[in-house]
Amino acid sequence: MAAERPRRDGHPGYLLHTYAYRETSLVAEIYVREVGRVAVIARGARRPRSALRGVLMAFQPLMLSWSGKSELKTLHKAEWQGGYAPLRGLSLICGFYLNELLLKLLPREDPHEELFEAYATALAQLPAAQDHAAVLRRFERVLLQELGYGLVFDREAVSGAPIVADARYRYVPDRGPVAAGESCEQSGVELAGQTLMDMAVDQYTDPRTVQQSKVLMRSLINHCLGNQTLHTRQLLRDLQQL
């Protein structure tokens, strides 16, 4: 097994979360394209004149350098790469929701470059988004697929038959769509075939699809979370957006 590289320089990434560490430092959870989620100590980052103080911003692209062989590494440099419009209001809460999903579902140092690109795309879309739900559904889909929860929207799980728009199905975690009324299966989320067909092509314009896809993705993510709670989801639910 190859030894872990003691230092990594100039990797594109994002800041997911920070908390205070001792008197002047921070522990930061960063998300890096080639590495995944990494925990680092930003020493002295809380000092007024620290070079890191004004750079460690969530939802903005950064170039990051760190070193260390333990689980908690040392951050050496963070450079702002020019970025997206600031997230405000509902867009900001949606951004925190994406970060919380990554923090709770993505193992450390487990790279998923397609997921990284989906995250970057969502952050770019959120500031001016007219349809926040569609942005979240597209990201959630990539997240679940990258974590190994293969999502099937185009065919029935048992027979493999194509989904029929006006038929009814139950979407069962770890299985997929099962035709409603033809099985004793009572678990999962009931939804229309048209909703599945819309989700297969990431189309979220039909009001029924918007509502049913929200319920379905919430159920699938809950299945992955187990006993963990998403605090940002409650905020979004209070705003009737998630």
Protein backbone atom coordinates (compact mmCIF):
# COMPACT_ATOMS: atom_id res chain seq x y z
CA MET A 1 0.00 0.00 0.00
CA ALA A 2 1.49 3.34 -1.03
CA ALA A 3 2.28 5.81 1.72
CA GLU A 4 -0.04 8.76 2.01
CA ARG A 5 1.33 11.90 0.43
CA PRO A 6 2.48 14.21 3.26
CA ARG A 7 1.53 17.35 1.36
CA ARG A 8 -1.03 18.28 -1.28
CA ASP A 9 -0.77 21.59 -3.09
CA GLY A 10 -3.17 23.57 -5.24
CA HIS A 11 -6.32 21.47 -5.19
CA PRO A 12 -9.68 23.03 -6.16
CA GLY A 13 -12.27 22.74 -3.45
CA TYR A 14 -14.89 24.33 -1.21
CA LEU A 15 -15.36 25.01 2.48
CA LEU A 16 -18.26 23.04 3.98
CA HIS A 17 -18.08 23.90 7.69
CA THR A 18 -15.83 25.38 10.38
CA TYR A 19 -15.75 25.47 14.15
CA ALA A 20 -13.45 27.12 16.66
CA TYR A 21 -10.32 25.27 17.75
CA ARG A 22 -8.40 26.52 20.75
CA GLU A 23 -7.99 30.31 21.00
CA THR A 24 -7.05 31.39 17.48
CA SER A 25 -7.60 28.47 15.11
CA LEU A 26 -10.39 26.73 13.24
CA VAL A 27 -11.15 23.17 12.27
CA ALA A 28 -12.48 23.22 8.72
CA GLU A 29 -14.23 20.55 6.69
CA ILE A 30 -13.20 21.07 3.07
CA TYR A 31 -14.48 19.32 -0.05
CA VAL A 32 -11.88 18.68 -2.74
CA ARG A 33 -12.41 17.30 -6.24
CA GLU A 34 -9.59 14.72 -6.27
CA VAL A 35 -9.69 13.79 -2.58
CA GLY A 36 -13.22 14.22 -1.26
CA ARG A 37 -14.06 15.52 2.20
CA VAL A 38 -11.04 16.42 4.36
CA ALA A 39 -10.77 17.78 7.92
CA VAL A 40 -8.01 20.36 8.40
CA ILE A 41 -6.78 22.70 11.12
CA ALA A 42 -6.51 26.32 9.97
CA ARG A 43 -3.96 27.53 12.51
CA GLY A 44 -4.33 31.16 13.53
CA ALA A 45 -7.27 31.68 11.16
CA ARG A 46 -9.22 33.61 13.79
CA ARG A 47 -6.48 36.19 14.25
CA PRO A 48 -7.37 39.59 12.72
CA ARG A 49 -4.35 39.62 10.41
CA SER A 50 -4.47 35.99 9.34
CA ALA A 51 -4.17 35.42 5.59
CA LEU A 52 -6.86 32.73 5.95
CA ARG A 53 -9.39 34.86 7.82
CA GLY A 54 -11.06 36.51 4.83
CA VAL A 55 -10.58 33.62 2.42
CA LEU A 56 -12.30 30.70 4.15
CA MET A 57 -15.77 31.40 2.80
CA ALA A 58 -18.46 28.81 2.15
CA PHE A 59 -19.98 28.48 -1.33
CA GLN A 60 -16.96 30.00 -3.10
CA PRO A 61 -14.31 28.13 -5.13
CA LEU A 62 -10.95 27.90 -3.40
CA MET A 63 -7.49 26.57 -4.19
CA LEU A 64 -6.34 24.61 -1.16
CA SER A 65 -3.03 23.22 0.12
CA TRP A 66 -2.59 21.03 3.19
CA SER A 67 -0.42 18.30 4.69
CA GLY A 68 -0.55 15.55 7.27
CA LYS A 69 -0.97 11.80 7.65
CA SER A 70 -3.51 11.79 10.48
CA GLU A 71 -7.26 12.21 9.99
CA LEU A 72 -6.96 15.88 10.97
CA LYS A 73 -4.56 17.57 8.56
CA THR A 74 -2.97 21.05 8.59
CA LEU A 75 -4.17 23.69 6.12
CA HIS A 76 -1.31 25.74 4.68
CA LYS A 77 -2.95 27.92 2.07
CA ALA A 78 -6.38 28.85 0.77
CA GLU A 79 -6.80 31.12 -2.24
CA TRP A 80 -10.10 32.49 -3.49
CA GLN A 81 -10.57 31.68 -7.18
CA GLY A 82 -13.20 34.27 -8.00
CA GLY A 83 -16.65 32.89 -7.77
CA TYR A 84 -20.37 32.92 -7.65
CA ALA A 85 -22.78 35.60 -6.60
CA PRO A 86 -23.36 35.46 -2.82
CA LEU A 87 -26.15 33.18 -1.63
CA ARG A 88 -28.93 35.01 0.18
CA GLY A 89 -32.30 34.14 1.65
CA LEU A 90 -33.70 30.81 0.47
CA SER A 91 -30.67 30.21 -1.77
CA LEU A 92 -28.41 30.45 1.29
CA ILE A 93 -30.47 27.90 3.22
CA CYS A 94 -30.37 25.59 0.19
CA GLY A 95 -26.59 25.95 0.12
CA PHE A 96 -26.35 24.95 3.77
CA TYR A 97 -28.61 21.98 3.00
CA LEU A 98 -26.20 20.76 0.30
CA ASN A 99 -23.29 21.13 2.71
CA GLU A 100 -25.08 19.24 5.44
CA LEU A 101 -25.83 16.37 3.06
CA LEU A 102 -22.15 16.10 2.15
CA LEU A 103 -21.03 16.28 5.77
CA LYS A 104 -23.41 13.57 6.94
CA LEU A 105 -23.41 11.19 3.97
CA LEU A 106 -20.00 11.45 2.33
CA PRO A 107 -17.18 9.52 4.04
CA ARG A 108 -13.91 11.38 4.49
CA GLU A 109 -11.31 11.13 1.72
CA ASP A 110 -13.69 9.35 -0.63
CA PRO A 111 -13.46 11.25 -3.94
CA HIS A 112 -16.46 11.49 -6.27
CA GLU A 113 -15.58 13.88 -9.06
CA GLU A 114 -19.05 13.74 -10.66
CA LEU A 115 -20.58 14.69 -7.31
CA PHE A 116 -18.06 17.52 -6.94
CA GLU A 117 -19.13 18.88 -10.33
CA ALA A 118 -22.81 18.53 -9.39
CA TYR A 119 -22.13 20.52 -6.21
CA ALA A 120 -20.30 23.25 -8.14
CA THR A 121 -23.16 23.41 -10.66
CA ALA A 122 -25.77 23.71 -7.90
CA LEU A 123 -23.84 26.57 -6.24
CA ALA A 124 -23.62 28.38 -9.57
CA GLN A 125 -27.37 28.01 -10.17
CA LEU A 126 -28.72 28.83 -6.70
CA PRO A 127 -28.14 32.63 -6.60
CA ALA A 128 -30.50 33.33 -9.50
CA ALA A 129 -32.63 30.18 -9.27
CA GLN A 130 -36.34 30.58 -9.87
CA ASP A 131 -36.87 26.91 -9.07
CA HIS A 132 -34.77 25.96 -6.05
CA ALA A 133 -36.45 22.56 -5.75
CA ALA A 134 -35.23 21.48 -9.19
CA VAL A 135 -31.65 22.42 -8.30
CA LEU A 136 -31.86 20.37 -5.10
CA ARG A 137 -33.44 17.33 -6.77
CA ARG A 138 -30.71 17.18 -9.42
CA PHE A 139 -27.98 17.34 -6.80
CA GLU A 140 -29.69 14.77 -4.55
CA ARG A 141 -29.94 12.37 -7.47
CA VAL A 142 -26.21 12.54 -8.23
CA LEU A 143 -25.38 12.26 -4.52
CA LEU A 144 -27.41 9.07 -4.07
CA GLN A 145 -26.03 7.54 -7.26
CA GLU A 146 -22.44 8.31 -6.28
CA LEU A 147 -22.99 6.79 -2.85
CA GLY A 148 -24.06 3.55 -4.50
CA TYR A 149 -27.83 3.85 -4.25
CA GLY A 150 -28.61 3.17 -7.89
CA LEU A 151 -31.78 5.06 -8.74
CA VAL A 152 -34.07 3.52 -11.33
CA PHE A 153 -36.71 5.76 -12.87
CA ASP A 154 -37.25 4.30 -16.34
CA ARG A 155 -38.34 0.71 -15.67
CA GLU A 156 -40.28 -1.41 -13.19
CA ALA A 157 -38.04 -3.15 -10.66
CA VAL A 158 -39.56 -6.65 -10.83
CA SER A 159 -40.41 -7.14 -14.49
CA GLY A 160 -38.08 -4.62 -16.08
CA ALA A 161 -41.01 -3.26 -18.09
CA PRO A 162 -40.82 0.41 -19.13
CA ILE A 163 -42.58 2.88 -16.88
CA VAL A 164 -46.06 3.85 -18.06
CA ALA A 165 -47.00 7.51 -17.61
CA ASP A 166 -50.56 6.98 -16.30
CA ALA A 167 -49.76 3.94 -14.12
CA ARG A 168 -49.17 4.04 -10.36
CA TYR A 169 -46.02 2.78 -8.65
CA ARG A 170 -44.46 2.43 -5.24
CA TYR A 171 -40.78 3.35 -5.09
CA VAL A 172 -39.10 1.00 -2.62
CA PRO A 173 -35.60 1.82 -1.29
CA ASP A 174 -32.89 -0.55 -2.58
CA ARG A 175 -35.31 -1.92 -5.19
CA GLY A 176 -36.92 0.79 -7.27
CA PRO A 177 -40.43 1.23 -8.72
CA VAL A 178 -42.93 -1.56 -8.12
CA ALA A 179 -46.30 -1.50 -9.87
CA ALA A 180 -48.99 -0.49 -7.36
CA GLY A 181 -51.90 -2.90 -7.07
CA GLU A 182 -49.93 -5.83 -8.48
CA SER A 183 -47.91 -6.52 -5.35
CA CYS A 184 -48.44 -6.85 -1.63
CA GLU A 185 -45.58 -4.35 -1.25
CA GLN A 186 -46.73 -1.60 1.10
CA SER A 187 -43.43 0.15 1.79
CA GLY A 188 -41.96 2.98 -0.22
CA VAL A 189 -43.50 6.10 -1.73
CA GLU A 190 -46.48 5.96 -4.07
CA LEU A 191 -46.22 8.10 -7.17
CA ALA A 192 -47.29 8.42 -10.77
CA GLY A 193 -45.43 6.92 -13.69
CA GLN A 194 -45.18 10.39 -15.23
CA THR A 195 -43.27 11.57 -12.16
CA LEU A 196 -40.71 8.80 -12.65
CA MET A 197 -40.42 9.62 -16.35
CA ASP A 198 -39.88 13.30 -15.53
CA MET A 199 -37.25 12.49 -12.92
CA ALA A 200 -35.42 10.26 -15.38
CA VAL A 201 -34.72 13.34 -17.53
CA ASP A 202 -34.44 15.86 -14.65
CA GLN A 203 -37.62 17.67 -15.68
CA TYR A 204 -39.41 19.44 -12.83
CA THR A 205 -42.11 21.63 -14.35
CA ASP A 206 -45.26 19.62 -13.64
CA PRO A 207 -46.66 20.49 -10.18
CA ARG A 208 -47.39 16.84 -9.40
CA THR A 209 -43.82 15.87 -10.31
CA VAL A 210 -42.47 18.66 -8.10
CA GLN A 211 -44.48 17.46 -5.10
CA GLN A 212 -43.99 13.73 -5.56
CA SER A 213 -40.26 13.99 -6.34
CA LYS A 214 -39.82 16.01 -3.14
CA VAL A 215 -41.47 13.28 -1.07
CA LEU A 216 -39.55 10.52 -2.83
CA MET A 217 -36.10 12.08 -2.48
CA ARG A 218 -36.78 12.95 1.15
CA SER A 219 -37.66 9.31 1.80
CA LEU A 220 -34.57 7.96 0.02
CA ILE A 221 -32.24 10.37 1.81
CA ASN A 222 -33.83 9.48 5.16
CA HIS A 223 -33.13 5.84 4.33
CA CYS A 224 -29.45 6.70 3.85
CA LEU A 225 -29.24 8.94 6.91
CA GLY A 226 -30.58 6.37 9.35
CA ASN A 227 -30.96 8.10 12.71
CA GLN A 228 -29.23 11.32 11.64
CA THR A 229 -31.28 14.52 11.43
CA LEU A 230 -30.93 17.23 8.81
CA HIS A 231 -31.32 20.57 10.55
CA THR A 232 -31.43 22.62 7.35
CA ARG A 233 -34.27 20.47 6.02
CA GLN A 234 -36.46 21.68 8.87
CA LEU A 235 -35.71 25.29 7.93
CA LEU A 236 -36.64 24.58 4.33
CA ARG A 237 -39.74 22.69 5.36
CA ASP A 238 -40.81 25.67 7.42
CA LEU A 239 -40.56 27.73 4.26
CA GLN A 240 -42.53 25.06 2.37
CA GLN A 241 -39.78 24.64 -0.18
CA LEU A 242 -38.39 21.16 0.47
